Protein backbone atom coordinates (compact mmCIF):
# COMPACT_ATOMS: atom_id res chain seq x y z
CA UNK A 1 -0.06 -0.05 -0.02
CA UNK A 2 1.47 3.29 -1.02
CA UNK A 3 2.02 5.64 1.89
CA UNK A 4 0.70 9.26 1.73
CA UNK A 5 1.43 12.14 4.06
CA UNK A 6 -1.05 12.86 6.67
CA UNK A 7 -1.66 15.07 9.73
CA UNK A 8 -0.72 12.60 12.31
CA UNK A 9 2.60 14.18 13.32
CA UNK A 10 1.02 17.59 13.72
CA UNK A 11 -1.88 16.04 15.83
CA UNK A 12 0.80 14.40 18.17
CA UNK A 13 2.37 17.72 18.66
CA UNK A 14 -0.85 19.44 19.34
CA UNK A 15 -1.62 16.75 21.90
CA UNK A 16 1.46 17.94 23.88
CA UNK A 17 0.10 21.49 23.80
CA UNK A 18 2.11 22.79 20.80
CA UNK A 19 -0.52 24.37 18.66
CA UNK A 20 1.00 26.01 15.62
CA UNK A 21 2.89 23.35 13.93
CA UNK A 22 5.26 24.22 10.83
CA UNK A 23 6.66 21.81 8.32
CA UNK A 24 9.93 22.66 6.75
CA UNK A 25 11.89 21.19 3.74
CA UNK A 26 14.64 22.29 1.36
CA UNK A 27 15.36 21.77 -2.30
CA UNK A 28 18.43 22.08 -4.29
CA UNK A 29 21.15 20.41 -2.28
CA UNK A 30 22.41 18.44 -5.53
CA UNK A 31 22.63 21.01 -8.17
CA UNK A 32 25.97 22.60 -9.22
CA UNK A 33 24.62 26.15 -9.20
CA UNK A 34 22.09 28.41 -7.70
CA UNK A 35 21.06 28.75 -4.16
CA UNK A 36 19.40 26.19 -1.90
CA UNK A 37 15.72 27.09 -1.22
CA UNK A 38 13.64 26.10 1.74
CA UNK A 39 10.02 26.66 2.79
CA UNK A 40 7.98 26.62 6.03
CA UNK A 41 4.32 26.13 6.15
CA UNK A 42 1.81 26.17 8.97
CA UNK A 43 -1.45 24.58 7.46
CA UNK A 44 -4.94 25.61 8.62
CA UNK A 45 -6.23 22.23 9.99
CA UNK A 46 -9.64 23.26 8.41
CA UNK A 47 -8.31 23.92 5.07
CA UNK A 48 -5.59 21.28 4.23
CA UNK A 49 -5.42 21.25 0.41
CA UNK A 50 -6.14 17.81 -1.08
CA UNK A 51 -3.50 15.90 -2.63
CA UNK A 52 -0.33 17.08 -0.85
CA UNK A 53 2.64 14.92 -1.25
CA UNK A 54 6.22 14.85 -1.87
CA UNK A 55 6.73 17.54 -4.69
CA UNK A 56 8.87 15.02 -6.84
CA UNK A 57 5.79 12.63 -6.97
CA UNK A 58 3.61 15.39 -8.35
CA UNK A 59 3.28 16.73 -11.97
CA UNK A 60 4.37 20.27 -12.71
CA UNK A 61 0.64 21.09 -13.26
CA UNK A 62 -0.56 19.77 -9.87
CA UNK A 63 2.36 21.29 -8.04
CA UNK A 64 1.43 24.79 -9.47
CA UNK A 65 -2.40 24.27 -8.49
CA UNK A 66 -1.34 23.27 -4.86
CA UNK A 67 1.06 26.31 -4.73
CA UNK A 68 -2.11 28.52 -5.21
CA UNK A 69 -4.15 26.61 -2.65
CA UNK A 70 -1.23 26.66 -0.05
CA UNK A 71 -0.36 30.17 -0.21
CA UNK A 72 -4.08 31.22 -0.04
CA UNK A 73 -4.84 29.18 3.11
CA UNK A 74 -1.65 28.62 5.07
CA UNK A 75 1.06 30.84 6.89
CA UNK A 76 4.04 30.27 4.82
CA UNK A 77 7.54 31.63 3.78
CA UNK A 78 10.16 30.65 1.26
CA UNK A 79 13.86 31.51 1.84
CA UNK A 80 17.18 30.87 0.38
CA UNK A 81 20.98 30.41 1.16
CA UNK A 82 23.20 31.81 -1.58
CA UNK A 83 25.94 30.33 -3.57
CA UNK A 84 28.48 32.11 -1.55
CA UNK A 85 26.97 30.81 1.72
CA UNK A 86 27.00 27.33 0.36
CA UNK A 87 30.53 27.51 -0.57
CA UNK A 88 31.63 28.91 2.70
CA UNK A 89 29.49 27.05 5.06
CA UNK A 90 28.82 23.63 3.18
CA UNK A 91 25.72 22.35 1.63
CA UNK A 92 24.11 20.84 4.81
CA UNK A 93 24.72 23.85 6.83
CA UNK A 94 23.39 26.26 4.17
CA UNK A 95 20.30 24.12 3.63
CA UNK A 96 19.80 24.44 7.57
CA UNK A 97 20.32 28.16 7.24
CA UNK A 98 17.75 28.41 4.66
CA UNK A 99 15.30 26.48 6.82
CA UNK A 100 15.82 28.66 9.70
CA UNK A 101 15.29 31.70 7.68
CA UNK A 102 11.86 30.21 6.31
CA UNK A 103 10.79 29.32 9.89
CA UNK A 104 11.75 32.85 11.08
CA UNK A 105 9.78 34.41 8.12
CA UNK A 106 6.40 32.99 9.21
CA UNK A 107 3.72 35.63 10.06
CA UNK A 108 3.33 34.20 13.57
CA UNK A 109 5.93 32.17 15.50
CA UNK A 110 5.70 28.30 15.23
CA UNK A 111 5.25 26.34 18.37
CA UNK A 112 6.93 23.17 16.97
CA UNK A 113 8.72 22.43 13.57
CA UNK A 114 8.59 19.16 11.64
CA UNK A 115 12.02 18.99 9.69
CA UNK A 116 12.47 16.74 6.74
CA UNK A 117 15.46 14.66 7.09
CA UNK A 118 17.50 13.28 10.12
CA UNK A 119 18.81 16.42 11.64
CA UNK A 120 17.22 19.46 13.10
CA UNK A 121 19.00 22.67 12.29
CA UNK A 122 20.93 24.11 15.34
CA UNK A 123 19.59 27.72 15.16
CA UNK A 124 16.10 26.98 14.80
CA UNK A 125 15.17 28.66 17.96
CA UNK A 126 11.93 26.56 18.41
CA UNK A 127 11.07 22.95 19.46
CA UNK A 128 11.59 20.65 16.47
CA UNK A 129 11.75 17.05 15.44
CA UNK A 130 13.49 15.53 12.37
CA UNK A 131 11.31 12.95 10.25
CA UNK A 132 13.14 10.97 7.65
CA UNK A 133 11.63 11.09 4.37
CA UNK A 134 8.92 13.66 6.05
CA UNK A 135 7.69 15.02 2.88
CA UNK A 136 5.94 11.57 2.01
CA UNK A 137 4.65 11.37 5.65
CA UNK A 138 3.61 14.78 6.91
CA UNK A 139 1.27 17.05 4.86
CA UNK A 140 2.94 20.18 6.48
CA UNK A 141 6.41 18.99 5.23
CA UNK A 142 4.90 18.03 1.82
CA UNK A 143 3.45 21.62 1.50
CA UNK A 144 6.88 23.04 2.28
CA UNK A 145 8.48 20.78 -0.35
CA UNK A 146 6.10 21.92 -2.97
CA UNK A 147 6.60 25.60 -2.34
CA UNK A 148 10.37 25.26 -2.20
CA UNK A 149 10.64 23.25 -5.29
CA UNK A 150 8.49 25.61 -7.28
CA UNK A 151 10.20 28.60 -6.04
CA UNK A 152 13.62 27.37 -6.94
CA UNK A 153 12.58 25.93 -10.35
CA UNK A 154 11.19 29.43 -11.27
CA UNK A 155 14.44 31.02 -9.82
CA UNK A 156 16.52 28.87 -12.08
CA UNK A 157 14.36 29.46 -15.15
CA UNK A 158 15.15 33.37 -14.61
CA UNK A 159 18.96 32.45 -14.08
CA UNK A 160 18.93 30.46 -17.35
CA UNK A 161 17.83 33.54 -19.23
CA UNK A 162 21.00 35.35 -17.51
CA UNK A 163 23.31 32.46 -18.55
CA UNK A 164 21.95 30.76 -21.65
CA UNK A 165 23.43 27.27 -22.72
CA UNK A 166 23.33 25.49 -19.45
CA UNK A 167 19.73 24.14 -19.75
CA UNK A 168 18.87 25.32 -16.27
CA UNK A 169 15.26 25.86 -17.30
CA UNK A 170 15.13 21.96 -17.79
CA UNK A 171 17.63 20.57 -15.34
CA UNK A 172 17.41 23.31 -12.66
CA UNK A 173 21.17 23.28 -12.18
CA UNK A 174 21.42 19.49 -11.43
CA UNK A 175 24.55 17.85 -13.03
CA UNK A 176 22.92 16.46 -16.16
CA UNK A 177 24.94 15.50 -19.34
CA UNK A 178 24.06 18.76 -20.94
CA UNK A 179 24.92 20.84 -18.10
CA UNK A 180 28.27 19.23 -17.57
CA UNK A 181 29.16 19.56 -21.25
CA UNK A 182 28.18 23.21 -21.14
CA UNK A 183 30.46 23.65 -18.11
CA UNK A 184 33.41 22.39 -20.29
CA UNK A 185 32.27 24.41 -23.25
CA UNK A 186 31.19 27.75 -21.67
CA UNK A 187 33.00 27.79 -18.44
CA UNK A 188 31.92 28.44 -14.77
CA UNK A 189 29.41 31.20 -14.15
CA UNK A 190 29.17 33.35 -11.02
CA UNK A 191 26.30 31.44 -9.86
CA UNK A 192 28.06 28.00 -9.83
CA UNK A 193 29.03 26.46 -6.61
CA UNK A 194 32.82 26.50 -6.65
CA UNK A 195 32.97 23.92 -3.81
CA UNK A 196 31.14 21.31 -5.68
CA UNK A 197 33.66 18.81 -7.25
CA UNK A 198 32.75 19.14 -10.95
CA UNK A 199 32.95 22.87 -10.80
CA UNK A 200 36.23 22.91 -8.65
CA UNK A 201 37.81 20.31 -11.12
CA UNK A 202 37.15 22.63 -14.21
CA UNK A 203 38.46 25.90 -12.23
CA UNK A 204 41.60 23.87 -11.25
CA UNK A 205 41.90 22.74 -15.00
CA UNK A 206 41.41 26.50 -16.12
CA UNK A 207 44.19 27.47 -13.60
CA UNK A 208 46.68 24.98 -14.84
CA UNK A 209 46.29 25.87 -18.45
CA UNK A 210 46.57 29.65 -17.73
CA UNK A 211 49.73 28.80 -15.60
């Protein structure tokens, strides 16, 4: 039987007296360029959109429709950690920074946060629990995953117009064959993550050639 997200984690927290439950998730840990993006969502229990699920399991059309429903009914925030922060901190810490920013950006303070993954960000400033594969288990985390993915995909489409040829409107910056070939042919852009091995290797090759 296929598991679908539900409201049970939220109800369990509310039974402990924690009323405003936020879900948070990030997208963009694997790409070679662009920011890492996180969202935080506190759903209205009386108006939970139908069909919430891990964003990767939904069609683009369905995600777009759910974004409209989530943003119309929930307290939500989308936040980013920049390429420079990814390179200086590392991708895990930058992901957690984006999550902290998203939670802090909610209109009203959350009482408790459900975090997708196996670690809770250190500087969240509120009680929290990590839920492995949470975007497929908690509707609040699923909603956050949808907002984060749609926001980052749109951002990468915009960057693709500034830096054509890398296919970011299709690959969102992930290391696909066409992206890797474009790195070789066109070089490294200002929005590439220099700490990531494929990018770092190309920069090292360029230095050795110029030397």
